[in-house]
């Protein structure tokens, strides 16, 4: 999906909104070129529930962390929002732009609520996760969020990896190769 198409899809979203998201991403594997599956494994996620936000007046992420801290009986002032580690937020949108190797890449930043169904594919055909050679297990983030137990999970999906969106009662299917 191109940034212009994405901006059009989210033009009527004001503040924050719950959306459905599908993606197809390349799976990083250990083993380098010696791994016979390197560059051939993709992850298809369908039906994820996420929240998009535009940060027009404050940080939706920061506000959510502080509300959850308060609900857990903790001091919300213990949480300090850190600067972005990479990329630049496009003001008043849910998009991040990031220059890499002289080319601009665009991402949809979301608060991740619930994963959808996940299927791994080898050369486009289903494969069991246990059968993937060199699969990197992702570790949960160790960020403290002020001691919050019910963490607010942020994810940034490269626009090129998004295959479907459900926004404001409209469904958008975007067909392409894995990013």
N, C-alpha and C. Protein backbone atom coordinates (compact mmCIF):
# COMPACT_ATOMS: atom_id res chain seq x y z
N UNK A 1 0.85 -1.16 0.00
CA UNK A 1 0.00 0.00 0.00
C UNK A 1 0.90 1.23 0.00
N UNK A 2 0.53 2.21 -0.76
CA UNK A 2 1.28 3.45 -0.83
C UNK A 2 0.76 4.42 0.23
N UNK A 3 1.60 5.35 0.64
CA UNK A 3 1.23 6.29 1.69
C UNK A 3 0.00 7.12 1.28
N UNK A 4 -0.13 7.47 0.01
CA UNK A 4 -1.29 8.26 -0.43
C UNK A 4 -2.58 7.47 -0.22
N UNK A 5 -2.56 6.19 -0.58
CA UNK A 5 -3.73 5.33 -0.39
C UNK A 5 -4.04 5.19 1.10
N UNK A 6 -3.01 5.01 1.92
CA UNK A 6 -3.20 4.87 3.36
C UNK A 6 -3.79 6.14 3.97
N UNK A 7 -3.29 7.30 3.56
CA UNK A 7 -3.83 8.56 4.08
C UNK A 7 -5.30 8.71 3.71
N UNK A 8 -5.66 8.29 2.51
CA UNK A 8 -7.05 8.37 2.08
C UNK A 8 -7.94 7.45 2.93
N UNK A 9 -7.47 6.24 3.19
CA UNK A 9 -8.24 5.28 4.00
C UNK A 9 -8.49 5.83 5.41
N UNK A 10 -7.48 6.50 5.98
CA UNK A 10 -7.59 6.98 7.36
C UNK A 10 -8.01 8.45 7.46
N UNK A 11 -8.39 9.06 6.35
CA UNK A 11 -8.74 10.49 6.35
C UNK A 11 -9.88 10.83 7.30
N UNK A 12 -10.84 9.94 7.47
CA UNK A 12 -11.99 10.23 8.33
C UNK A 12 -11.83 9.75 9.76
N UNK A 13 -10.70 9.13 10.07
CA UNK A 13 -10.45 8.69 11.45
C UNK A 13 -9.95 9.90 12.22
N UNK A 14 -10.68 10.24 13.27
CA UNK A 14 -10.33 11.41 14.06
C UNK A 14 -10.00 10.96 15.48
N UNK A 15 -8.84 11.30 15.99
CA UNK A 15 -8.43 10.86 17.32
C UNK A 15 -7.93 9.44 17.26
N UNK A 16 -8.71 8.51 17.82
CA UNK A 16 -8.32 7.10 17.77
C UNK A 16 -9.50 6.28 17.31
N UNK A 17 -9.20 5.09 16.78
CA UNK A 17 -10.24 4.21 16.27
C UNK A 17 -9.75 2.77 16.31
N UNK A 18 -10.68 1.85 16.47
CA UNK A 18 -10.36 0.43 16.44
C UNK A 18 -10.50 -0.05 14.99
N UNK A 19 -9.51 -0.82 14.54
CA UNK A 19 -9.54 -1.32 13.16
C UNK A 19 -9.12 -2.79 13.13
N UNK A 20 -9.40 -3.45 12.01
CA UNK A 20 -8.92 -4.79 11.77
C UNK A 20 -7.75 -4.72 10.80
N UNK A 21 -6.79 -5.60 10.96
CA UNK A 21 -5.58 -5.53 10.14
C UNK A 21 -5.11 -6.93 9.77
N UNK A 22 -4.71 -7.11 8.52
CA UNK A 22 -4.10 -8.35 8.02
C UNK A 22 -2.73 -7.98 7.46
N UNK A 23 -1.76 -8.88 7.61
CA UNK A 23 -0.42 -8.58 7.08
C UNK A 23 0.27 -9.86 6.60
N UNK A 24 1.23 -9.65 5.71
CA UNK A 24 2.09 -10.72 5.21
C UNK A 24 3.51 -10.19 5.30
N UNK A 25 4.32 -10.82 6.16
CA UNK A 25 5.68 -10.33 6.41
C UNK A 25 6.71 -11.43 6.21
N UNK A 26 7.90 -11.01 5.82
CA UNK A 26 9.04 -11.91 5.69
C UNK A 26 9.50 -12.27 7.10
N UNK A 27 9.80 -13.54 7.35
CA UNK A 27 10.21 -14.00 8.67
C UNK A 27 11.73 -14.05 8.74
N UNK A 28 12.34 -13.32 9.70
CA UNK A 28 13.80 -13.41 9.85
C UNK A 28 14.19 -14.76 10.45
N UNK A 29 15.23 -15.35 9.89
CA UNK A 29 15.70 -16.66 10.35
C UNK A 29 17.18 -16.60 10.69
N UNK A 30 17.60 -17.43 11.63
CA UNK A 30 19.02 -17.60 11.93
C UNK A 30 19.65 -18.47 10.85
N UNK A 31 20.96 -18.39 10.72
CA UNK A 31 21.68 -19.31 9.84
C UNK A 31 22.19 -18.71 8.56
N UNK A 32 21.84 -17.46 8.29
CA UNK A 32 22.34 -16.80 7.09
C UNK A 32 22.05 -17.58 5.82
N UNK A 33 22.95 -17.49 4.87
CA UNK A 33 22.76 -18.13 3.56
C UNK A 33 22.78 -19.65 3.65
N UNK A 34 23.34 -20.19 4.74
CA UNK A 34 23.38 -21.65 4.90
C UNK A 34 22.01 -22.22 5.22
N UNK A 35 21.10 -21.38 5.73
CA UNK A 35 19.76 -21.85 6.06
C UNK A 35 18.96 -22.03 4.76
N UNK A 36 18.54 -23.25 4.45
CA UNK A 36 17.84 -23.50 3.20
C UNK A 36 16.47 -22.80 3.12
N UNK A 37 15.94 -22.33 4.25
CA UNK A 37 14.64 -21.66 4.26
C UNK A 37 14.77 -20.13 4.23
N UNK A 38 16.01 -19.63 4.31
CA UNK A 38 16.24 -18.19 4.35
C UNK A 38 15.56 -17.48 3.18
N UNK A 39 14.75 -16.46 3.48
CA UNK A 39 14.08 -15.68 2.45
C UNK A 39 12.86 -16.35 1.84
N UNK A 40 12.51 -17.52 2.33
CA UNK A 40 11.39 -18.27 1.75
C UNK A 40 10.19 -18.39 2.69
N UNK A 41 10.36 -17.96 3.96
CA UNK A 41 9.29 -18.12 4.95
C UNK A 41 8.61 -16.77 5.18
N UNK A 42 7.28 -16.80 5.14
CA UNK A 42 6.48 -15.61 5.43
C UNK A 42 5.48 -15.94 6.53
N UNK A 43 4.98 -14.89 7.15
CA UNK A 43 4.00 -15.02 8.23
C UNK A 43 2.75 -14.25 7.79
N UNK A 44 1.64 -14.97 7.71
CA UNK A 44 0.37 -14.37 7.34
C UNK A 44 -0.47 -14.22 8.61
N UNK A 45 -0.83 -12.98 8.93
CA UNK A 45 -1.68 -12.72 10.08
C UNK A 45 -2.98 -12.12 9.56
N UNK A 46 -4.10 -12.71 9.94
CA UNK A 46 -5.40 -12.19 9.52
C UNK A 46 -6.28 -11.96 10.74
N UNK A 47 -7.01 -10.85 10.70
CA UNK A 47 -7.98 -10.57 11.75
C UNK A 47 -7.45 -9.98 13.03
N UNK A 48 -6.29 -9.33 12.99
CA UNK A 48 -5.78 -8.68 14.21
C UNK A 48 -6.66 -7.48 14.55
N UNK A 49 -6.85 -7.22 15.83
CA UNK A 49 -7.56 -6.03 16.29
C UNK A 49 -6.53 -5.07 16.86
N UNK A 50 -6.54 -3.85 16.34
CA UNK A 50 -5.58 -2.84 16.77
C UNK A 50 -6.30 -1.50 16.92
N UNK A 51 -5.63 -0.56 17.53
CA UNK A 51 -6.16 0.79 17.66
C UNK A 51 -5.18 1.74 16.99
N UNK A 52 -5.69 2.58 16.09
CA UNK A 52 -4.87 3.61 15.47
C UNK A 52 -5.14 4.91 16.21
N UNK A 53 -4.16 5.79 16.20
CA UNK A 53 -4.29 7.06 16.93
C UNK A 53 -3.49 8.12 16.20
N UNK A 54 -3.93 9.37 16.35
CA UNK A 54 -3.29 10.44 15.60
C UNK A 54 -2.49 11.42 16.44
N UNK A 55 -2.57 11.32 17.76
CA UNK A 55 -1.78 12.19 18.63
C UNK A 55 -1.97 13.67 18.31
N UNK A 56 -3.21 14.09 18.12
CA UNK A 56 -3.45 15.50 17.78
C UNK A 56 -3.20 16.43 18.96
N UNK A 57 -3.55 15.99 20.17
CA UNK A 57 -3.41 16.86 21.34
C UNK A 57 -2.46 16.30 22.40
N UNK A 58 -2.24 14.98 22.37
CA UNK A 58 -1.32 14.35 23.32
C UNK A 58 -0.95 12.98 22.76
N UNK A 59 -0.11 12.26 23.47
CA UNK A 59 0.29 10.92 23.05
C UNK A 59 -0.75 9.92 23.52
N UNK A 60 -1.46 9.30 22.60
CA UNK A 60 -2.47 8.30 22.96
C UNK A 60 -1.83 7.14 23.72
N UNK A 61 -0.64 6.75 23.30
CA UNK A 61 0.10 5.69 23.98
C UNK A 61 0.39 6.09 25.42
N UNK A 62 0.97 7.28 25.62
CA UNK A 62 1.30 7.76 26.96
C UNK A 62 0.06 7.87 27.83
N UNK A 63 -1.01 8.39 27.26
CA UNK A 63 -2.27 8.54 28.00
C UNK A 63 -2.81 7.17 28.43
N UNK A 64 -2.74 6.18 27.53
CA UNK A 64 -3.24 4.84 27.86
C UNK A 64 -2.41 4.19 28.96
N UNK A 65 -1.08 4.33 28.89
CA UNK A 65 -0.22 3.78 29.93
C UNK A 65 -0.57 4.41 31.28
N UNK A 66 -0.73 5.73 31.31
CA UNK A 66 -1.03 6.41 32.57
C UNK A 66 -2.40 6.01 33.12
N UNK A 67 -3.41 5.85 32.26
CA UNK A 67 -4.73 5.39 32.73
C UNK A 67 -4.64 3.99 33.32
N UNK A 68 -3.87 3.10 32.68
CA UNK A 68 -3.74 1.73 33.19
C UNK A 68 -2.97 1.72 34.50
N UNK A 69 -1.96 2.56 34.62
CA UNK A 69 -1.22 2.64 35.89
C UNK A 69 -2.16 3.06 37.01
N UNK A 70 -2.96 4.05 36.74
CA UNK A 70 -3.91 4.54 37.75
C UNK A 70 -4.89 3.44 38.16
N UNK A 71 -5.42 2.69 37.18
CA UNK A 71 -6.33 1.59 37.47
C UNK A 71 -5.67 0.51 38.32
N UNK A 72 -4.35 0.32 38.14
CA UNK A 72 -3.62 -0.69 38.92
C UNK A 72 -3.18 -0.14 40.27
N UNK A 73 -3.60 1.09 40.59
CA UNK A 73 -3.25 1.68 41.88
C UNK A 73 -1.82 2.18 41.97
N UNK A 74 -1.23 2.47 40.82
CA UNK A 74 0.16 2.95 40.77
C UNK A 74 0.18 4.41 40.37
N UNK A 75 1.27 5.07 40.65
CA UNK A 75 1.41 6.50 40.35
C UNK A 75 1.68 6.69 38.85
N UNK A 76 0.76 7.32 38.10
CA UNK A 76 0.97 7.53 36.67
C UNK A 76 2.18 8.41 36.37
N UNK A 77 2.60 9.21 37.32
CA UNK A 77 3.76 10.09 37.11
C UNK A 77 5.07 9.30 37.03
N UNK A 78 5.04 8.00 37.37
CA UNK A 78 6.26 7.18 37.28
C UNK A 78 6.62 6.87 35.83
N UNK A 79 5.67 7.09 34.93
CA UNK A 79 5.92 6.80 33.52
C UNK A 79 6.32 8.08 32.80
N UNK A 80 7.46 8.02 32.12
CA UNK A 80 7.93 9.13 31.29
C UNK A 80 8.05 8.64 29.86
N UNK A 81 7.38 9.34 28.96
CA UNK A 81 7.42 8.98 27.55
C UNK A 81 8.80 9.27 26.97
N UNK A 82 9.41 8.27 26.34
CA UNK A 82 10.73 8.42 25.72
C UNK A 82 10.59 8.88 24.28
N UNK A 83 11.63 9.50 23.75
CA UNK A 83 11.58 9.88 22.33
C UNK A 83 11.57 8.63 21.44
N UNK A 84 11.09 8.78 20.21
CA UNK A 84 11.08 7.66 19.27
C UNK A 84 12.49 7.12 19.08
N UNK A 85 12.60 5.80 18.97
CA UNK A 85 13.91 5.17 18.75
C UNK A 85 14.29 5.24 17.27
N UNK A 86 13.32 5.29 16.38
CA UNK A 86 13.59 5.34 14.94
C UNK A 86 12.40 6.00 14.25
N UNK A 87 12.63 6.53 13.08
CA UNK A 87 11.57 7.11 12.27
C UNK A 87 11.02 8.41 12.84
N UNK A 88 10.12 9.00 12.06
CA UNK A 88 9.51 10.27 12.44
C UNK A 88 8.01 10.17 12.23
N UNK A 89 7.26 10.53 13.23
CA UNK A 89 5.80 10.50 13.14
C UNK A 89 5.35 11.59 12.18
N UNK A 90 4.48 11.26 11.25
CA UNK A 90 3.88 12.26 10.36
C UNK A 90 2.78 12.91 11.20
N UNK A 91 2.87 14.22 11.47
CA UNK A 91 1.95 14.88 12.40
C UNK A 91 0.48 14.63 12.10
N UNK A 92 -0.26 14.39 13.16
CA UNK A 92 -1.71 14.20 13.14
C UNK A 92 -2.18 13.06 12.24
N UNK A 93 -1.32 12.03 12.13
CA UNK A 93 -1.67 10.82 11.39
C UNK A 93 -1.16 9.63 12.21
N UNK A 94 -1.59 8.41 11.86
CA UNK A 94 -1.04 7.23 12.52
C UNK A 94 0.20 6.67 11.82
N UNK A 95 0.86 7.49 10.98
CA UNK A 95 1.95 7.00 10.14
C UNK A 95 3.32 7.45 10.62
N UNK A 96 4.30 6.59 10.38
CA UNK A 96 5.71 6.85 10.66
C UNK A 96 6.44 6.80 9.32
N UNK A 97 7.37 7.74 9.12
CA UNK A 97 8.23 7.66 7.95
C UNK A 97 9.66 7.44 8.43
N UNK A 98 10.39 6.64 7.66
CA UNK A 98 11.74 6.27 8.06
C UNK A 98 12.59 6.09 6.80
N UNK A 99 13.67 6.85 6.72
CA UNK A 99 14.56 6.71 5.56
C UNK A 99 15.58 5.61 5.85
N UNK A 100 15.70 4.70 4.88
CA UNK A 100 16.64 3.60 5.00
C UNK A 100 17.25 3.36 3.63
N UNK A 101 18.57 3.32 3.59
CA UNK A 101 19.29 3.09 2.33
C UNK A 101 18.86 4.07 1.23
N UNK A 102 18.63 5.33 1.63
CA UNK A 102 18.28 6.37 0.68
C UNK A 102 16.84 6.32 0.18
N UNK A 103 16.02 5.45 0.77
CA UNK A 103 14.63 5.31 0.34
C UNK A 103 13.71 5.52 1.54
N UNK A 104 12.59 6.22 1.31
CA UNK A 104 11.64 6.48 2.38
C UNK A 104 10.68 5.30 2.51
N UNK A 105 10.52 4.82 3.73
CA UNK A 105 9.58 3.73 4.03
C UNK A 105 8.52 4.27 4.97
N UNK A 106 7.31 3.74 4.84
CA UNK A 106 6.18 4.22 5.65
C UNK A 106 5.58 3.07 6.45
N UNK A 107 5.15 3.39 7.66
CA UNK A 107 4.62 2.41 8.61
C UNK A 107 3.33 2.92 9.22
N UNK A 108 2.45 1.99 9.58
CA UNK A 108 1.25 2.30 10.33
C UNK A 108 1.53 1.92 11.78
N UNK A 109 1.52 2.90 12.67
CA UNK A 109 1.77 2.62 14.08
C UNK A 109 0.45 2.39 14.79
N UNK A 110 0.37 1.31 15.55
CA UNK A 110 -0.87 0.92 16.21
C UNK A 110 -0.61 0.50 17.65
N UNK A 111 -1.66 0.52 18.44
CA UNK A 111 -1.65 -0.14 19.74
C UNK A 111 -2.25 -1.52 19.47
N UNK A 112 -1.48 -2.54 19.73
CA UNK A 112 -1.86 -3.91 19.42
C UNK A 112 -2.78 -4.43 20.52
N UNK A 113 -3.99 -4.85 20.15
CA UNK A 113 -4.96 -5.32 21.13
C UNK A 113 -5.09 -6.84 21.13
N UNK A 114 -5.24 -7.44 19.95
CA UNK A 114 -5.39 -8.88 19.86
C UNK A 114 -4.86 -9.36 18.53
N UNK A 115 -4.01 -10.37 18.59
CA UNK A 115 -3.47 -10.96 17.36
C UNK A 115 -4.59 -11.72 16.66
N UNK A 116 -4.49 -11.75 15.37
CA UNK A 116 -5.44 -12.54 14.60
C UNK A 116 -4.90 -13.96 14.46
N UNK A 117 -5.41 -14.66 13.47
CA UNK A 117 -4.89 -15.99 13.18
C UNK A 117 -3.56 -15.84 12.47
N UNK A 118 -2.61 -16.67 12.86
CA UNK A 118 -1.27 -16.62 12.28
C UNK A 118 -0.98 -17.93 11.57
N UNK A 119 -0.46 -17.80 10.37
CA UNK A 119 -0.08 -18.98 9.60
C UNK A 119 1.28 -18.71 8.99
N UNK A 120 2.18 -19.68 9.08
CA UNK A 120 3.50 -19.57 8.45
C UNK A 120 3.44 -20.27 7.10
N UNK A 121 4.16 -19.67 6.13
CA UNK A 121 4.18 -20.21 4.77
C UNK A 121 5.62 -20.38 4.31
N UNK A 122 5.90 -21.47 3.63
CA UNK A 122 7.20 -21.72 3.00
C UNK A 122 6.92 -21.75 1.50
N UNK A 123 7.49 -20.80 0.77
CA UNK A 123 7.23 -20.67 -0.66
C UNK A 123 5.72 -20.61 -0.95
N UNK A 124 4.98 -19.95 -0.05
CA UNK A 124 3.55 -19.76 -0.25
C UNK A 124 2.67 -20.91 0.22
N UNK A 125 3.28 -21.99 0.70
CA UNK A 125 2.53 -23.16 1.18
C UNK A 125 2.63 -23.23 2.70
N UNK A 126 1.53 -23.62 3.39
CA UNK A 126 1.55 -23.69 4.86
C UNK A 126 2.66 -24.61 5.39
N UNK A 127 3.26 -24.18 6.50
CA UNK A 127 4.28 -24.97 7.19
C UNK A 127 4.06 -24.80 8.69
N UNK A 128 4.26 -25.86 9.46
CA UNK A 128 4.12 -25.78 10.91
C UNK A 128 5.27 -24.94 11.47
N UNK A 129 4.97 -24.13 12.45
CA UNK A 129 5.98 -23.27 13.07
C UNK A 129 7.17 -24.11 13.55
N UNK A 130 6.90 -25.29 14.11
CA UNK A 130 7.95 -26.16 14.63
C UNK A 130 8.88 -26.69 13.54
N UNK A 131 8.44 -26.67 12.28
CA UNK A 131 9.24 -27.19 11.18
C UNK A 131 10.11 -26.12 10.51
N UNK A 132 10.03 -24.89 10.97
CA UNK A 132 10.82 -23.81 10.37
C UNK A 132 12.23 -23.84 10.95
N UNK A 133 13.22 -23.94 10.08
CA UNK A 133 14.62 -24.00 10.49
C UNK A 133 15.11 -22.58 10.81
N UNK A 134 15.63 -22.38 12.03
CA UNK A 134 16.25 -21.11 12.39
C UNK A 134 15.28 -20.01 12.77
N UNK A 135 14.06 -20.36 13.17
CA UNK A 135 13.08 -19.34 13.53
C UNK A 135 13.53 -18.58 14.77
N UNK A 136 13.50 -17.26 14.68
CA UNK A 136 13.87 -16.41 15.81
C UNK A 136 12.65 -16.21 16.69
N UNK A 137 12.74 -16.60 17.93
CA UNK A 137 11.65 -16.35 18.87
C UNK A 137 11.77 -14.92 19.36
N UNK A 138 10.68 -14.18 19.30
CA UNK A 138 10.72 -12.79 19.76
C UNK A 138 10.48 -12.76 21.26
N UNK A 139 11.26 -11.96 21.91
CA UNK A 139 11.14 -11.79 23.35
C UNK A 139 10.19 -10.63 23.64
N UNK A 140 9.35 -10.75 24.66
CA UNK A 140 8.52 -9.61 25.01
C UNK A 140 9.38 -8.44 25.47
N UNK A 141 8.90 -7.25 25.19
CA UNK A 141 9.64 -6.05 25.55
C UNK A 141 9.79 -5.95 27.06
N UNK A 142 10.96 -5.54 27.50
CA UNK A 142 11.22 -5.39 28.93
C UNK A 142 11.03 -3.96 29.39
N UNK A 143 10.45 -3.11 28.54
CA UNK A 143 10.24 -1.73 28.94
C UNK A 143 9.33 -1.71 30.15
N UNK A 144 9.61 -0.81 31.07
CA UNK A 144 8.90 -0.83 32.35
C UNK A 144 7.50 -0.25 32.30
N UNK A 145 7.25 0.77 31.51
CA UNK A 145 5.98 1.46 31.48
C UNK A 145 5.53 1.79 32.91
N UNK A 146 6.50 2.24 33.72
CA UNK A 146 6.17 2.65 35.09
C UNK A 146 5.73 1.51 35.98
N UNK A 147 6.11 0.27 35.64
CA UNK A 147 5.72 -0.89 36.44
C UNK A 147 4.36 -1.45 36.06
N UNK A 148 3.84 -1.05 34.94
CA UNK A 148 2.53 -1.49 34.49
C UNK A 148 2.51 -2.99 34.25
N UNK A 149 1.49 -3.67 34.78
CA UNK A 149 1.36 -5.11 34.57
C UNK A 149 0.66 -5.41 33.24
N UNK A 150 -0.40 -4.67 32.92
CA UNK A 150 -1.14 -4.83 31.67
C UNK A 150 -0.52 -3.89 30.64
N UNK A 151 0.55 -4.32 30.01
CA UNK A 151 1.34 -3.47 29.11
C UNK A 151 0.55 -2.98 27.90
N UNK A 152 0.89 -1.79 27.43
CA UNK A 152 0.35 -1.23 26.20
C UNK A 152 1.36 -1.59 25.11
N UNK A 153 0.95 -2.40 24.15
CA UNK A 153 1.87 -2.91 23.14
C UNK A 153 1.73 -2.09 21.85
N UNK A 154 2.83 -1.47 21.44
CA UNK A 154 2.87 -0.69 20.21
C UNK A 154 3.53 -1.55 19.13
N UNK A 155 2.96 -1.51 17.94
CA UNK A 155 3.54 -2.19 16.78
C UNK A 155 3.53 -1.22 15.61
N UNK A 156 4.53 -1.33 14.77
CA UNK A 156 4.61 -0.53 13.56
C UNK A 156 4.64 -1.49 12.38
N UNK A 157 3.59 -1.45 11.56
CA UNK A 157 3.49 -2.32 10.40
C UNK A 157 3.92 -1.55 9.16
N UNK A 158 4.89 -2.08 8.46
CA UNK A 158 5.30 -1.47 7.20
C UNK A 158 4.10 -1.49 6.27
N UNK A 159 3.78 -0.36 5.65
CA UNK A 159 2.61 -0.30 4.78
C UNK A 159 2.66 -1.37 3.71
N UNK A 160 3.86 -1.67 3.21
CA UNK A 160 4.01 -2.67 2.16
C UNK A 160 3.64 -4.07 2.63
N UNK A 161 3.57 -4.30 3.96
CA UNK A 161 3.24 -5.63 4.46
C UNK A 161 1.75 -5.79 4.77
N UNK A 162 0.99 -4.71 4.71
CA UNK A 162 -0.44 -4.77 5.04
C UNK A 162 -1.21 -5.31 3.83
N UNK A 163 -1.98 -6.37 4.08
CA UNK A 163 -2.75 -7.00 2.99
C UNK A 163 -4.25 -6.73 3.11
N UNK A 164 -4.69 -6.25 4.26
CA UNK A 164 -6.10 -5.96 4.44
C UNK A 164 -6.34 -5.07 5.63
N UNK A 165 -7.35 -4.21 5.52
CA UNK A 165 -7.75 -3.32 6.61
C UNK A 165 -9.27 -3.29 6.68
N UNK A 166 -9.77 -3.16 7.89
CA UNK A 166 -11.18 -2.92 8.11
C UNK A 166 -11.29 -1.67 8.97
N UNK A 167 -11.77 -0.58 8.33
CA UNK A 167 -11.80 0.74 8.96
C UNK A 167 -13.18 1.35 8.75
N UNK A 168 -13.80 1.77 9.84
CA UNK A 168 -15.10 2.46 9.76
C UNK A 168 -16.12 1.74 8.89
N UNK A 169 -16.21 0.43 9.02
CA UNK A 169 -17.20 -0.34 8.28
C UNK A 169 -16.83 -0.64 6.83
N UNK A 170 -15.65 -0.23 6.41
CA UNK A 170 -15.18 -0.50 5.04
C UNK A 170 -14.03 -1.50 5.09
N UNK A 171 -14.00 -2.39 4.12
CA UNK A 171 -12.91 -3.37 4.04
C UNK A 171 -12.05 -3.06 2.82
N UNK A 172 -10.74 -3.06 3.04
CA UNK A 172 -9.78 -2.78 1.98
C UNK A 172 -8.86 -3.98 1.86
N UNK A 173 -8.81 -4.59 0.70
CA UNK A 173 -7.89 -5.71 0.44
C UNK A 173 -6.76 -5.19 -0.44
N UNK A 174 -5.54 -5.43 -0.01
CA UNK A 174 -4.37 -4.97 -0.74
C UNK A 174 -3.55 -6.21 -1.08
N UNK A 175 -3.47 -6.55 -2.35
CA UNK A 175 -2.77 -7.77 -2.77
C UNK A 175 -1.35 -7.41 -3.17
N UNK A 176 -0.39 -8.19 -2.66
CA UNK A 176 1.02 -7.95 -2.98
C UNK A 176 1.88 -9.07 -2.42
N UNK A 177 3.16 -8.93 -2.63
CA UNK A 177 4.14 -9.87 -2.07
C UNK A 177 4.49 -9.46 -0.65
N UNK A 178 5.08 -10.37 0.10
CA UNK A 178 5.50 -10.08 1.49
C UNK A 178 6.55 -9.00 1.51
N UNK A 179 6.51 -8.17 2.55
CA UNK A 179 7.49 -7.11 2.72
C UNK A 179 8.42 -7.43 3.86
